Amino acid sequence: MPDSTRVSLVHDTPPAVPDFTQWPSFPFEGDLRVKQIDDPVPVEPPRKGEGNRECIACGAPDEAYIWVGERWRVRAMDRPTGLPMVLILETRSHLDLGDLPNLLAAELGVMTVRLERAIRSLDDVARVHVNRWGDGSAHLHLWFLARPYGRLQLRGTFLSLWDSILPPIPEAKWRENLALVAAWLADFGGRPLAEPPRIEWQAPSSIASSIPDTDTEAAPETSVIEAAEETPTGEGMAAAEADADGDADRSALDEGPQGEDDGNAEALSAGDVPGSGAAAEHPVVEEATESPTPLAGSEAAGNASDGEAGRQPKVPSPRRPEDDVAAAKPA
């Protein structure tokens, strides 16, 4: 067989399936066949943003991003995907990776670390894969893909493929993650543009329908009575204060020295108190004689100097305390 025929047969035979198809992270199984490799082209076509082709990144407004700064912007996909988070870091200036000046080159490292930490702070995120391909657009853009925690099958170089294979995450969770990352970046500057999802809730049809019937029937009567008993207002409050002051004055006058309870009780029972009726007409006197306490200071000395009159209990009356003392003395 001529050598040219042998070379043609080798060229038409597809190569063997590579070993990575046996890796646990490889997303496909079954019979696989490697595609034929195309011949190289002499001149590569321009990417987006090269030559006369429009640059999508340069024409995008800030509202299309989740966070914007003075020299950097971060955008997300237009809908949820299979991974918890997929973001793209871009420069504002139309530059590729090798075209960055020293300032942007240094900031690229800072922004890469900062964005990786922001994504890794999300719940159920174990790792963040950072990739830069650049074959589709001449405008610098780095991909950040979050691998879910515990999903060991998604480890390695096939994470971007799994993103398209897995079912999309809930949109509410996706929007919440975007807002968290944007707020995390805004702590270091810039402006967050991603907002968390709105809380879905329904107001009750009527306030009365949410209150049991038994409570609505008993509440007005109970509340009015309790308010009348517990919270005096107007004249009732003034009367309560006057009664409190009168009780304080009467208690100071009615109480005698310790050990004289029997004498006071006999005087009250015999009707020896001048200017007073039956003992039942003066409940305050009865209460005071049941538990007398010693007087303090000048008041105790004054009662002792009155002799037997000091042993007489002072009768409360609507008059002033001085009048009660005078009325209690024998004529």
C-alpha atoms as a PDB file:
ATOM      1  CA  MET A   1       0.000   0.000   0.000  1.00  0.00           C
ATOM      2  CA  PRO A   2       1.436   3.395  -0.919  1.00  0.00           C
ATOM      3  CA  ASP A   3       2.397   5.707   1.918  1.00  0.00           C
ATOM      4  CA  SER A   4      -0.119   8.346   0.798  1.00  0.00           C
ATOM      5  CA  THR A   5      -2.999   5.873   1.232  1.00  0.00           C
ATOM      6  CA  ARG A   6      -1.787   4.929   4.690  1.00  0.00           C
ATOM      7  CA  VAL A   7      -1.733   8.619   5.757  1.00  0.00           C
ATOM      8  CA  SER A   8      -5.250   9.155   4.405  1.00  0.00           C
ATOM      9  CA  LEU A   9      -6.609   6.240   6.441  1.00  0.00           C
ATOM     10  CA  VAL A  10      -4.998   7.524   9.616  1.00  0.00           C
ATOM     11  CA  HIS A  11      -6.432  10.987   9.008  1.00  0.00           C
ATOM     12  CA  ASP A  12      -9.986   9.677   8.571  1.00  0.00           C
ATOM     13  CA  THR A  13      -9.894   7.532  11.692  1.00  0.00           C
ATOM     14  CA  PRO A  14     -11.109   9.524  14.725  1.00  0.00           C
ATOM     15  CA  PRO A  15      -8.801   9.421  17.693  1.00  0.00           C
ATOM     16  CA  ALA A  16      -9.629   7.366  20.741  1.00  0.00           C
ATOM     17  CA  VAL A  17     -11.845   8.817  23.435  1.00  0.00           C
ATOM     18  CA  PRO A  18      -9.622  10.693  25.922  1.00  0.00           C
ATOM     19  CA  ASP A  19      -9.243   9.600  29.503  1.00  0.00           C
ATOM     20  CA  PHE A  20     -11.152  12.544  30.977  1.00  0.00           C
ATOM     21  CA  THR A  21     -14.368  10.991  29.721  1.00  0.00           C
ATOM     22  CA  GLN A  22     -13.963   8.539  32.584  1.00  0.00           C
ATOM     23  CA  TRP A  23     -13.646  11.224  35.220  1.00  0.00           C
ATOM     24  CA  PRO A  24     -16.530  11.479  37.692  1.00  0.00           C
ATOM     25  CA  SER A  25     -16.881  15.163  36.795  1.00  0.00           C
ATOM     26  CA  PHE A  26     -17.395  14.456  33.088  1.00  0.00           C
ATOM     27  CA  PRO A  27     -21.051  15.310  32.421  1.00  0.00           C
ATOM     28  CA  PHE A  28     -21.749  12.741  29.690  1.00  0.00           C
ATOM     29  CA  GLU A  29     -21.828   8.975  29.414  1.00  0.00           C
ATOM     30  CA  GLY A  30     -22.508   6.327  26.827  1.00  0.00           C
ATOM     31  CA  ASP A  31     -20.951   5.919  23.424  1.00  0.00           C
ATOM     32  CA  LEU A  32     -18.948   8.952  22.516  1.00  0.00           C
ATOM     33  CA  ARG A  33     -17.169   9.930  19.375  1.00  0.00           C
ATOM     34  CA  VAL A  34     -14.593  12.647  18.909  1.00  0.00           C
ATOM     35  CA  LYS A  35     -15.284  15.174  16.188  1.00  0.00           C
ATOM     36  CA  GLN A  36     -12.964  15.630  13.310  1.00  0.00           C
ATOM     37  CA  ILE A  37     -10.693  18.606  13.804  1.00  0.00           C
ATOM     38  CA  ASP A  38     -11.105  21.340  11.206  1.00  0.00           C
ATOM     39  CA  ASP A  39      -8.247  22.675   9.187  1.00  0.00           C
ATOM     40  CA  PRO A  40      -6.795  25.924  10.494  1.00  0.00           C
ATOM     41  CA  VAL A  41      -7.847  29.153   8.812  1.00  0.00           C
ATOM     42  CA  PRO A  42      -5.219  31.554   7.526  1.00  0.00           C
ATOM     43  CA  VAL A  43      -6.780  34.645   9.162  1.00  0.00           C
ATOM     44  CA  GLU A  44      -8.981  34.612  12.230  1.00  0.00           C
ATOM     45  CA  PRO A  45     -12.211  36.616  12.081  1.00  0.00           C
ATOM     46  CA  PRO A  46     -12.459  39.707  14.271  1.00  0.00           C
ATOM     47  CA  ARG A  47     -14.024  39.340  17.670  1.00  0.00           C
ATOM     48  CA  LYS A  48     -16.774  41.570  18.994  1.00  0.00           C
ATOM     49  CA  GLY A  49     -15.242  44.951  19.598  1.00  0.00           C
ATOM     50  CA  GLU A  50     -12.523  44.439  16.978  1.00  0.00           C
ATOM     51  CA  GLY A  51     -12.335  46.079  13.607  1.00  0.00           C
ATOM     52  CA  ASN A  52     -15.751  47.258  12.543  1.00  0.00           C
ATOM     53  CA  ARG A  53     -17.645  44.972  14.932  1.00  0.00           C
ATOM     54  CA  GLU A  54     -19.668  46.613  17.688  1.00  0.00           C
ATOM     55  CA  CYS A  55     -18.611  46.150  21.306  1.00  0.00           C
ATOM     56  CA  ILE A  56     -21.576  45.055  23.394  1.00  0.00           C
ATOM     57  CA  ALA A  57     -19.839  45.883  26.687  1.00  0.00           C
ATOM     58  CA  CYS A  58     -19.066  49.466  25.676  1.00  0.00           C
ATOM     59  CA  GLY A  59     -22.635  50.072  24.550  1.00  0.00           C
ATOM     60  CA  ALA A  60     -24.306  48.562  27.612  1.00  0.00           C
ATOM     61  CA  PRO A  61     -25.731  51.054  30.160  1.00  0.00           C
ATOM     62  CA  ASP A  62     -24.982  50.807  33.855  1.00  0.00           C
ATOM     63  CA  GLU A  63     -28.520  49.559  34.480  1.00  0.00           C
ATOM     64  CA  ALA A  64     -27.570  46.293  32.767  1.00  0.00           C
ATOM     65  CA  TYR A  65     -25.091  45.511  35.572  1.00  0.00           C
ATOM     66  CA  ILE A  66     -25.529  44.513  39.221  1.00  0.00           C
ATOM     67  CA  TRP A  67     -22.649  46.715  40.429  1.00  0.00           C
ATOM     68  CA  VAL A  68     -20.737  49.566  38.819  1.00  0.00           C
ATOM     69  CA  GLY A  69     -17.648  51.483  39.841  1.00  0.00           C
ATOM     70  CA  GLU A  70     -15.416  54.113  38.377  1.00  0.00           C
ATOM     71  CA  ARG A  71     -13.322  51.671  36.317  1.00  0.00           C
ATOM     72  CA  TRP A  72     -15.066  48.272  36.727  1.00  0.00           C
ATOM     73  CA  ARG A  73     -18.496  46.771  36.270  1.00  0.00           C
ATOM     74  CA  VAL A  74     -20.045  43.399  37.184  1.00  0.00           C
ATOM     75  CA  ARG A  75     -22.905  41.852  35.255  1.00  0.00           C
ATOM     76  CA  ALA A  76     -24.930  38.661  35.476  1.00  0.00           C
ATOM     77  CA  MET A  77     -26.779  36.440  33.060  1.00  0.00           C
ATOM     78  CA  ASP A  78     -30.213  37.492  31.860  1.00  0.00           C
ATOM     79  CA  ARG A  79     -31.873  34.587  33.698  1.00  0.00           C
ATOM     80  CA  PRO A  80     -31.057  31.985  36.360  1.00  0.00           C
ATOM     81  CA  THR A  81     -28.821  29.065  35.417  1.00  0.00           C
ATOM     82  CA  GLY A  82     -27.877  25.788  37.048  1.00  0.00           C
ATOM     83  CA  LEU A  83     -25.167  27.187  39.324  1.00  0.00           C
ATOM     84  CA  PRO A  84     -25.856  29.394  42.347  1.00  0.00           C
ATOM     85  CA  MET A  85     -24.045  32.304  40.731  1.00  0.00           C
ATOM     86  CA  VAL A  86     -22.394  33.170  37.417  1.00  0.00           C
ATOM     87  CA  LEU A  87     -20.949  36.679  37.067  1.00  0.00           C
ATOM     88  CA  ILE A  88     -18.688  38.548  34.663  1.00  0.00           C
ATOM     89  CA  LEU A  89     -16.175  41.215  35.656  1.00  0.00           C
ATOM     90  CA  GLU A  90     -15.474  43.849  32.990  1.00  0.00           C
ATOM     91  CA  THR A  91     -13.426  46.995  32.626  1.00  0.00           C
ATOM     92  CA  ARG A  92     -15.139  50.227  31.672  1.00  0.00           C
ATOM     93  CA  SER A  93     -12.378  50.990  29.223  1.00  0.00           C
ATOM     94  CA  HIS A  94     -12.261  49.017  25.997  1.00  0.00           C
ATOM     95  CA  LEU A  95      -9.109  47.053  26.788  1.00  0.00           C
ATOM     96  CA  ASP A  96      -8.071  43.417  26.646  1.00  0.00           C
ATOM     97  CA  LEU A  97      -6.058  41.643  29.320  1.00  0.00           C
ATOM     98  CA  GLY A  98      -2.663  42.309  27.751  1.00  0.00           C
ATOM     99  CA  ASP A  99      -3.568  45.963  27.134  1.00  0.00           C
ATOM    100  CA  LEU A 100      -4.183  46.908  30.762  1.00  0.00           C
ATOM    101  CA  PRO A 101      -2.033  49.694  32.197  1.00  0.00           C
ATOM    102  CA  ASN A 102      -0.348  49.121  35.511  1.00  0.00           C
ATOM    103  CA  LEU A 103      -3.161  50.761  37.496  1.00  0.00           C
ATOM    104  CA  LEU A 104      -5.879  48.564  36.026  1.00  0.00           C
ATOM    105  CA  ALA A 105      -3.636  45.512  36.132  1.00  0.00           C
ATOM    106  CA  ALA A 106      -3.150  45.999  39.864  1.00  0.00           C
ATOM    107  CA  GLU A 107      -6.857  46.660  40.389  1.00  0.00           C
ATOM    108  CA  LEU A 108      -7.722  43.517  38.450  1.00  0.00           C
ATOM    109  CA  GLY A 109      -6.094  41.431  41.138  1.00  0.00           C
ATOM    110  CA  VAL A 110      -7.939  43.312  43.874  1.00  0.00           C
ATOM    111  CA  MET A 111     -11.290  43.049  42.081  1.00  0.00           C
ATOM    112  CA  THR A 112     -10.783  39.346  41.383  1.00  0.00           C
ATOM    113  CA  VAL A 113     -10.172  38.568  45.039  1.00  0.00           C
ATOM    114  CA  ARG A 114     -12.978  40.849  46.182  1.00  0.00           C
ATOM    115  CA  LEU A 115     -15.554  39.353  43.836  1.00  0.00           C
ATOM    116  CA  GLU A 116     -14.476  35.810  44.647  1.00  0.00           C
ATOM    117  CA  ARG A 117     -14.990  36.472  48.350  1.00  0.00           C
ATOM    118  CA  ALA A 118     -18.374  38.060  47.726  1.00  0.00           C
ATOM    119  CA  ILE A 119     -19.630  35.031  45.795  1.00  0.00           C
ATOM    120  CA  ARG A 120     -18.137  32.572  48.272  1.00  0.00           C
ATOM    121  CA  SER A 121     -20.022  34.320  51.085  1.00  0.00           C
ATOM    122  CA  LEU A 122     -23.310  33.057  49.646  1.00  0.00           C
ATOM    123  CA  ASP A 123     -25.007  30.066  51.208  1.00  0.00           C
ATOM    124  CA  ASP A 124     -24.182  26.648  49.744  1.00  0.00           C
ATOM    125  CA  VAL A 125     -21.163  27.872  47.736  1.00  0.00           C
ATOM    126  CA  ALA A 126     -17.977  25.869  48.159  1.00  0.00           C
ATOM    127  CA  ARG A 127     -15.640  27.189  45.460  1.00  0.00           C
ATOM    128  CA  VAL A 128     -15.526  29.936  42.848  1.00  0.00           C
ATOM    129  CA  HIS A 129     -13.950  29.142  39.485  1.00  0.00           C
ATOM    130  CA  VAL A 130     -12.370  32.118  37.709  1.00  0.00           C
ATOM    131  CA  ASN A 131     -11.973  31.780  33.941  1.00  0.00           C
ATOM    132  CA  ARG A 132     -10.863  34.014  31.143  1.00  0.00           C
ATOM    133  CA  TRP A 133     -11.258  32.875  27.550  1.00  0.00           C
ATOM    134  CA  GLY A 134     -11.660  36.046  25.490  1.00  0.00           C
ATOM    135  CA  ASP A 135     -12.379  34.367  22.156  1.00  0.00           C
ATOM    136  CA  GLY A 136     -15.780  35.972  21.781  1.00  0.00           C
ATOM    137  CA  SER A 137     -15.099  39.599  22.697  1.00  0.00           C
ATOM    138  CA  ALA A 138     -12.060  41.852  22.673  1.00  0.00           C
ATOM    139  CA  HIS A 139     -13.369  43.687  25.753  1.00  0.00           C
ATOM    140  CA  LEU A 140     -11.788  42.185  28.867  1.00  0.00           C
ATOM    141  CA  HIS A 141     -14.220  40.014  30.827  1.00  0.00           C
ATOM    142  CA  LEU A 142     -13.548  37.396  33.496  1.00  0.00           C
ATOM    143  CA  TRP A 143     -16.048  34.668  34.375  1.00  0.00           C
ATOM    144  CA  PHE A 144     -16.833  33.758  37.984  1.00  0.00           C
ATOM    145  CA  LEU A 145     -18.705  30.468  38.445  1.00  0.00           C
ATOM    146  CA  ALA A 146     -19.840  29.269  41.882  1.00  0.00           C
ATOM    147  CA  ARG A 147     -19.717  25.534  42.589  1.00  0.00           C
ATOM    148  CA  PRO A 148     -22.436  24.336  44.982  1.00  0.00           C
ATOM    149  CA  TYR A 149     -21.261  22.966  48.295  1.00  0.00           C
ATOM    150  CA  GLY A 150     -21.145  19.170  48.460  1.00  0.00           C
ATOM    151  CA  ARG A 151     -21.496  18.689  44.700  1.00  0.00           C
ATOM    152  CA  LEU A 152     -18.218  16.865  44.205  1.00  0.00           C
ATOM    153  CA  GLN A 153     -19.216  15.705  40.757  1.00  0.00           C
ATOM    154  CA  LEU A 154     -19.066  19.312  39.589  1.00  0.00           C
ATOM    155  CA  ARG A 155     -15.430  19.816  40.556  1.00  0.00           C
ATOM    156  CA  GLY A 156     -12.870  20.689  37.908  1.00  0.00           C
ATOM    157  CA  THR A 157     -12.841  21.932  34.377  1.00  0.00           C
ATOM    158  CA  PHE A 158     -16.385  20.922  33.407  1.00  0.00           C
ATOM    159  CA  LEU A 159     -18.212  23.284  35.747  1.00  0.00           C
ATOM    160  CA  SER A 160     -19.168  25.601  32.901  1.00  0.00           C
ATOM    161  CA  LEU A 161     -20.784  22.639  31.098  1.00  0.00           C
ATOM    162  CA  TRP A 162     -22.720  21.616  34.188  1.00  0.00           C
ATOM    163  CA  ASP A 163     -24.093  25.145  34.405  1.00  0.00           C
ATOM    164  CA  SER A 164     -26.033  24.534  31.201  1.00  0.00           C
ATOM    165  CA  ILE A 165     -27.049  20.977  32.130  1.00  0.00           C
ATOM    166  CA  LEU A 166     -28.396  21.461  35.656  1.00  0.00           C
ATOM    167  CA  PRO A 167     -31.942  22.785  36.123  1.00  0.00           C
ATOM    168  CA  PRO A 168     -32.048  26.527  36.815  1.00  0.00           C
ATOM    169  CA  ILE A 169     -32.202  27.639  40.429  1.00  0.00           C
ATOM    170  CA  PRO A 170     -35.359  29.499  41.598  1.00  0.00           C
ATOM    171  CA  GLU A 171     -35.499  33.036  40.314  1.00  0.00           C
ATOM    172  CA  ALA A 172     -36.191  34.486  43.770  1.00  0.00           C
ATOM    173  CA  LYS A 173     -33.047  32.832  45.138  1.00  0.00           C
ATOM    174  CA  TRP A 174     -31.076  33.991  42.125  1.00  0.00           C
ATOM    175  CA  ARG A 175     -32.138  37.618  42.592  1.00  0.00           C
ATOM    176  CA  GLU A 176     -31.417  37.442  46.287  1.00  0.00           C
ATOM    177  CA  ASN A 177     -27.878  36.203  45.575  1.00  0.00           C
ATOM    178  CA  LEU A 178     -27.318  39.014  43.071  1.00  0.00           C
ATOM    179  CA  ALA A 179     -28.404  41.622  45.609  1.00  0.00           C
ATOM    180  CA  LEU A 180     -26.128  40.153  48.277  1.00  0.00           C
ATOM    181  CA  VAL A 181     -23.075  40.204  46.019  1.00  0.00           C
ATOM    182  CA  ALA A 182     -23.818  43.754  44.878  1.00  0.00           C
ATOM    183  CA  ALA A 183     -24.169  44.939  48.475  1.00  0.00           C
ATOM    184  CA  TRP A 184     -20.944  43.151  49.424  1.00  0.00           C
ATOM    185  CA  LEU A 185     -19.039  44.960  46.669  1.00  0.00           C
ATOM    186  CA  ALA A 186     -20.661  48.289  47.541  1.00  0.00           C
ATOM    187  CA  ASP A 187     -19.074  48.126  50.986  1.00  0.00           C
ATOM    188  CA  PHE A 188     -15.781  48.904  49.225  1.00  0.00           C
ATOM    189  CA  GLY A 189     -17.207  51.566  46.907  1.00  0.00           C
ATOM    190  CA  GLY A 190     -19.196  51.793  43.750  1.00  0.00           C
ATOM    191  CA  ARG A 191     -22.940  51.556  43.385  1.00  0.00           C
ATOM    192  CA  PRO A 192     -25.135  48.437  43.789  1.00  0.00           C
ATOM    193  CA  LEU A 193     -27.869  48.097  41.197  1.00  0.00           C
ATOM    194  CA  ALA A 194     -29.282  44.650  41.938  1.00  0.00           C
ATOM    195  CA  GLU A 195     -32.328  44.653  44.198  1.00  0.00           C
ATOM    196  CA  PRO A 196     -33.653  41.723  46.240  1.00  0.00           C
ATOM    197  CA  PRO A 197     -36.933  40.129  45.157  1.00  0.00           C
ATOM    198  CA  ARG A 198     -40.126  41.623  46.461  1.00  0.00           C
ATOM    199  CA  ILE A 199     -41.858  39.872  49.331  1.00  0.00           C
ATOM    200  CA  GLU A 200     -45.090  38.294  48.168  1.00  0.00           C
ATOM    201  CA  TRP A 201     -47.834  38.669  50.742  1.00  0.00           C
ATOM    202  CA  GLN A 202     -51.578  39.124  50.797  1.00  0.00           C
ATOM    203  CA  ALA A 203     -53.436  41.418  53.130  1.00  0.00           C
ATOM    204  CA  PRO A 204     -56.530  40.008  54.907  1.00  0.00           C
ATOM    205  CA  SER A 205     -59.833  40.829  53.272  1.00  0.00           C
ATOM    206  CA  SER A 206     -60.965  42.681  56.385  1.00  0.00           C
ATOM    207  CA  ILE A 207     -59.564  43.346  59.825  1.00  0.00           C
ATOM    208  CA  ALA A 208     -62.727  42.203  61.571  1.00  0.00           C
ATOM    209  CA  SER A 209     -62.642  38.828  59.862  1.00  0.00           C
ATOM    210  CA  SER A 210     -59.317  37.985  61.499  1.00  0.00           C
ATOM    211  CA  ILE A 211     -60.681  38.595  65.051  1.00  0.00           C
ATOM    212  CA  PRO A 212     -62.762  35.859  66.728  1.00  0.00           C
ATOM    213  CA  ASP A 213     -66.420  36.723  67.401  1.00  0.00           C
ATOM    214  CA  THR A 214     -66.098  36.013  71.119  1.00  0.00           C
ATOM    215  CA  ASP A 215     -63.363  38.599  71.488  1.00  0.00           C
ATOM    216  CA  THR A 216     -65.273  41.260  69.582  1.00  0.00           C
ATOM    217  CA  GLU A 217     -68.318  40.813  71.819  1.00  0.00           C
ATOM    218  CA  ALA A 218     -66.456  40.889  75.135  1.00  0.00           C
ATOM    219  CA  ALA A 219     -63.753  43.415  74.278  1.00  0.00           C
ATOM    220  CA  PRO A 220     -65.805  46.680  74.352  1.00  0.00           C
ATOM    221  CA  GLU A 221     -67.554  45.965  77.699  1.00  0.00           C
ATOM    222  CA  THR A 222     -64.378  44.749  79.393  1.00  0.00           C
ATOM    223  CA  SER A 223     -62.240  47.587  78.103  1.00  0.00           C
ATOM    224  CA  VAL A 224     -64.699  50.264  79.254  1.00  0.00           C
ATOM    225  CA  ILE A 225     -65.026  48.816  82.745  1.00  0.00           C
ATOM    226  CA  GLU A 226     -61.305  48.372  83.176  1.00  0.00           C
ATOM    227  CA  ALA A 227     -60.671  51.901  81.938  1.00  0.00           C
ATOM    228  CA  ALA A 228     -63.196  53.311  84.407  1.00  0.00           C
ATOM    229  CA  GLU A 229     -61.728  51.347  87.323  1.00  0.00           C
ATOM    230  CA  GLU A 230     -58.030  51.601  86.569  1.00  0.00           C
ATOM    231  CA  THR A 231     -57.619  55.024  84.951  1.00  0.00           C
ATOM    232  CA  PRO A 232     -59.422  57.871  86.819  1.00  0.00           C
ATOM    233  CA  THR A 233     -59.604  61.122  84.911  1.00  0.00           C
ATOM    234  CA  GLY A 234     -60.901  64.633  85.572  1.00  0.00           C
ATOM    235  CA  GLU A 235     -62.853  64.974  88.808  1.00  0.00           C
ATOM    236  CA  GLY A 236     -62.342  61.296  89.633  1.00  0.00           C
ATOM    237  CA  MET A 237     -58.570  61.745  89.641  1.00  0.00           C
ATOM    238  CA  ALA A 238     -58.791  64.855  91.833  1.00  0.00           C
ATOM    239  CA  ALA A 239     -61.061  63.027  94.282  1.00  0.00           C
ATOM    240  CA  ALA A 240     -58.681  60.078  94.410  1.00  0.00           C
ATOM    241  CA  GLU A 241     -55.755  62.372  95.186  1.00  0.00           C
ATOM    242  CA  ALA A 242     -57.771  64.171  97.910  1.00  0.00           C
ATOM    243  CA  ASP A 243     -58.738  60.850  99.499  1.00  0.00           C
ATOM    244  CA  ALA A 244     -55.124  59.742  99.478  1.00  0.00           C
ATOM    245  CA  ASP A 245     -54.021  62.946 101.235  1.00  0.00           C
ATOM    246  CA  GLY A 246     -56.852  62.691 103.758  1.00  0.00           C
ATOM    247  CA  ASP A 247     -56.001  59.093 104.552  1.00  0.00           C
ATOM    248  CA  ALA A 248     -52.390  60.069 105.183  1.00  0.00           C
ATOM    249  CA  ASP A 249     -53.435  62.831 107.599  1.00  0.00           C
ATOM    250  CA  ARG A 250     -55.952  60.663 109.383  1.00  0.00           C
ATOM    251  CA  SER A 251     -53.510  57.812 109.776  1.00  0.00           C
ATOM    252  CA  ALA A 252     -51.012  60.154 111.418  1.00  0.00           C
ATOM    253  CA  LEU A 253     -53.653  61.383 113.892  1.00  0.00           C
ATOM    254  CA  ASP A 254     -55.442  58.101 114.601  1.00  0.00           C
ATOM    255  CA  GLU A 255     -52.394  56.075 115.500  1.00  0.00           C
ATOM    256  CA  GLY A 256     -51.381  56.029 119.170  1.00  0.00           C
ATOM    257  CA  PRO A 257     -48.369  54.692 121.041  1.00  0.00           C
ATOM    258  CA  GLN A 258     -47.679  50.991 121.081  1.00  0.00           C
ATOM    259  CA  GLY A 259     -49.362  49.002 123.874  1.00  0.00           C
ATOM    260  CA  GLU A 260     -52.501  51.190 124.112  1.00  0.00           C
ATOM    261  CA  ASP A 261     -54.727  49.224 121.735  1.00  0.00           C
ATOM    262  CA  ASP A 262     -57.038  48.025 124.517  1.00  0.00           C
ATOM    263  CA  GLY A 263     -57.704  51.523 125.900  1.00  0.00           C
ATOM    264  CA  ASN A 264     -58.517  52.934 122.478  1.00  0.00           C
ATOM    265  CA  ALA A 265     -60.848  50.051 121.695  1.00  0.00           C
ATOM    266  CA  GLU A 266     -62.724  50.507 125.024  1.00  0.00           C
ATOM    267  CA  ALA A 267     -63.151  54.248 124.450  1.00  0.00           C
ATOM    268  CA  LEU A 268     -64.585  53.623 120.993  1.00  0.00           C
ATOM    269  CA  SER A 269     -66.964  50.916 122.192  1.00  0.00           C
ATOM    270  CA  ALA A 270     -68.257  53.072 125.097  1.00  0.00           C
ATOM    271  CA  GLY A 271     -68.914  56.059 122.841  1.00  0.00           C
ATOM    272  CA  ASP A 272     -66.453  58.284 124.725  1.00  0.00           C
ATOM    273  CA  VAL A 273     -65.249  60.041 121.596  1.00  0.00           C
ATOM    274  CA  PRO A 274     -66.678  63.583 121.609  1.00  0.00           C
ATOM    275  CA  GLY A 275     -68.469  64.768 118.504  1.00  0.00           C
ATOM    276  CA  SER A 276     -68.726  61.290 116.997  1.00  0.00           C
ATOM    277  CA  GLY A 277     -71.530  58.800 116.479  1.00  0.00           C
ATOM    278  CA  ALA A 278     -71.309  55.029 116.539  1.00  0.00           C
ATOM    279  CA  ALA A 279     -67.973  53.401 115.935  1.00  0.00           C
ATOM    280  CA  ALA A 280     -69.271  51.819 112.737  1.00  0.00           C
ATOM    281  CA  GLU A 281     -69.543  55.313 111.195  1.00  0.00           C
ATOM    282  CA  HIS A 282     -65.765  55.705 111.273  1.00  0.00           C
ATOM    283  CA  PRO A 283     -64.164  52.731 109.448  1.00  0.00           C
ATOM    284  CA  VAL A 284     -60.845  54.533 109.221  1.00  0.00           C
ATOM    285  CA  VAL A 285     -60.661  54.732 113.023  1.00  0.00           C
ATOM    286  CA  GLU A 286     -61.357  51.020 113.327  1.00  0.00           C
ATOM    287  CA  GLU A 287     -58.609  50.183 110.858  1.00  0.00           C
ATOM    288  CA  ALA A 288     -56.154  52.418 112.664  1.00  0.00           C
ATOM    289  CA  THR A 289     -56.913  50.978 116.099  1.00  0.00           C
ATOM    290  CA  GLU A 290     -56.439  47.438 114.842  1.00  0.00           C
ATOM    291  CA  SER A 291     -52.793  47.975 113.915  1.00  0.00           C
ATOM    292  CA  PRO A 292     -51.402  51.066 115.669  1.00  0.00           C
ATOM    293  CA  THR A 293     -47.802  52.029 115.077  1.00  0.00           C
ATOM    294  CA  PRO A 294     -45.634  54.341 117.209  1.00  0.00           C
ATOM    295  CA  LEU A 295     -45.532  58.008 116.269  1.00  0.00           C
ATOM    296  CA  ALA A 296     -42.214  59.559 115.515  1.00  0.00           C
ATOM    297  CA  GLY A 297     -40.596  62.798 116.641  1.00  0.00           C
ATOM    298  CA  SER A 298     -42.580  65.807 117.888  1.00  0.00           C
ATOM    299  CA  GLU A 299     -45.947  64.226 117.170  1.00  0.00           C
ATOM    300  CA  ALA A 300     -45.332  61.425 119.711  1.00  0.00           C
ATOM    301  CA  ALA A 301     -44.074  63.949 122.305  1.00  0.00           C
ATOM    302  CA  GLY A 302     -47.159  66.149 121.843  1.00  0.00           C
ATOM    303  CA  ASN A 303     -49.545  63.280 122.490  1.00  0.00           C
ATOM    304  CA  ALA A 304     -47.664  62.267 125.630  1.00  0.00           C
ATOM    305  CA  SER A 305     -47.922  65.811 127.086  1.00  0.00           C
ATOM    306  CA  ASP A 306     -51.722  65.820 126.748  1.00  0.00           C
ATOM    307  CA  GLY A 307     -52.077  63.190 129.491  1.00  0.00           C
ATOM    308  CA  GLU A 308     -55.201  61.175 129.243  1.00  0.00           C
ATOM    309  CA  ALA A 309     -56.294  63.178 126.225  1.00  0.00           C
ATOM    310  CA  GLY A 310     -53.313  61.813 124.358  1.00  0.00           C
ATOM    311  CA  ARG A 311     -54.717  58.348 124.892  1.00  0.00           C
ATOM    312  CA  GLN A 312     -57.918  59.235 123.106  1.00  0.00           C
ATOM    313  CA  PRO A 313     -57.929  58.364 119.386  1.00  0.00           C
ATOM    314  CA  LYS A 314     -58.359  61.243 117.049  1.00  0.00           C
ATOM    315  CA  VAL A 315     -61.605  61.108 115.111  1.00  0.00           C
ATOM    316  CA  PRO A 316     -61.390  61.813 111.374  1.00  0.00           C
ATOM    317  CA  SER A 317     -63.714  64.440 110.017  1.00  0.00           C
ATOM    318  CA  PRO A 318     -63.979  66.657 106.960  1.00  0.00           C
ATOM    319  CA  ARG A 319     -62.394  69.480 108.946  1.00  0.00           C
ATOM    320  CA  ARG A 320     -58.727  70.304 109.170  1.00  0.00           C
ATOM    321  CA  PRO A 321     -56.377  68.097 111.212  1.00  0.00           C
ATOM    322  CA  GLU A 322     -56.010  70.921 113.810  1.00  0.00           C
ATOM    323  CA  ASP A 323     -59.748  70.918 114.425  1.00  0.00           C
ATOM    324  CA  ASP A 324     -59.705  67.162 114.947  1.00  0.00           C
ATOM    325  CA  VAL A 325     -57.014  67.499 117.619  1.00  0.00           C
ATOM    326  CA  ALA A 326     -59.040  70.190 119.426  1.00  0.00           C
ATOM    327  CA  ALA A 327     -62.224  68.168 119.244  1.00  0.00           C
ATOM    328  CA  ALA A 328     -60.508  65.126 120.696  1.00  0.00           C
ATOM    329  CA  LYS A 329     -59.548  66.976 123.926  1.00  0.00           C
ATOM    330  CA  PRO A 330     -62.065  66.848 126.862  1.00  0.00           C
ATOM    331  CA  ALA A 331     -63.987  70.067 127.568  1.00  0.00           C
END
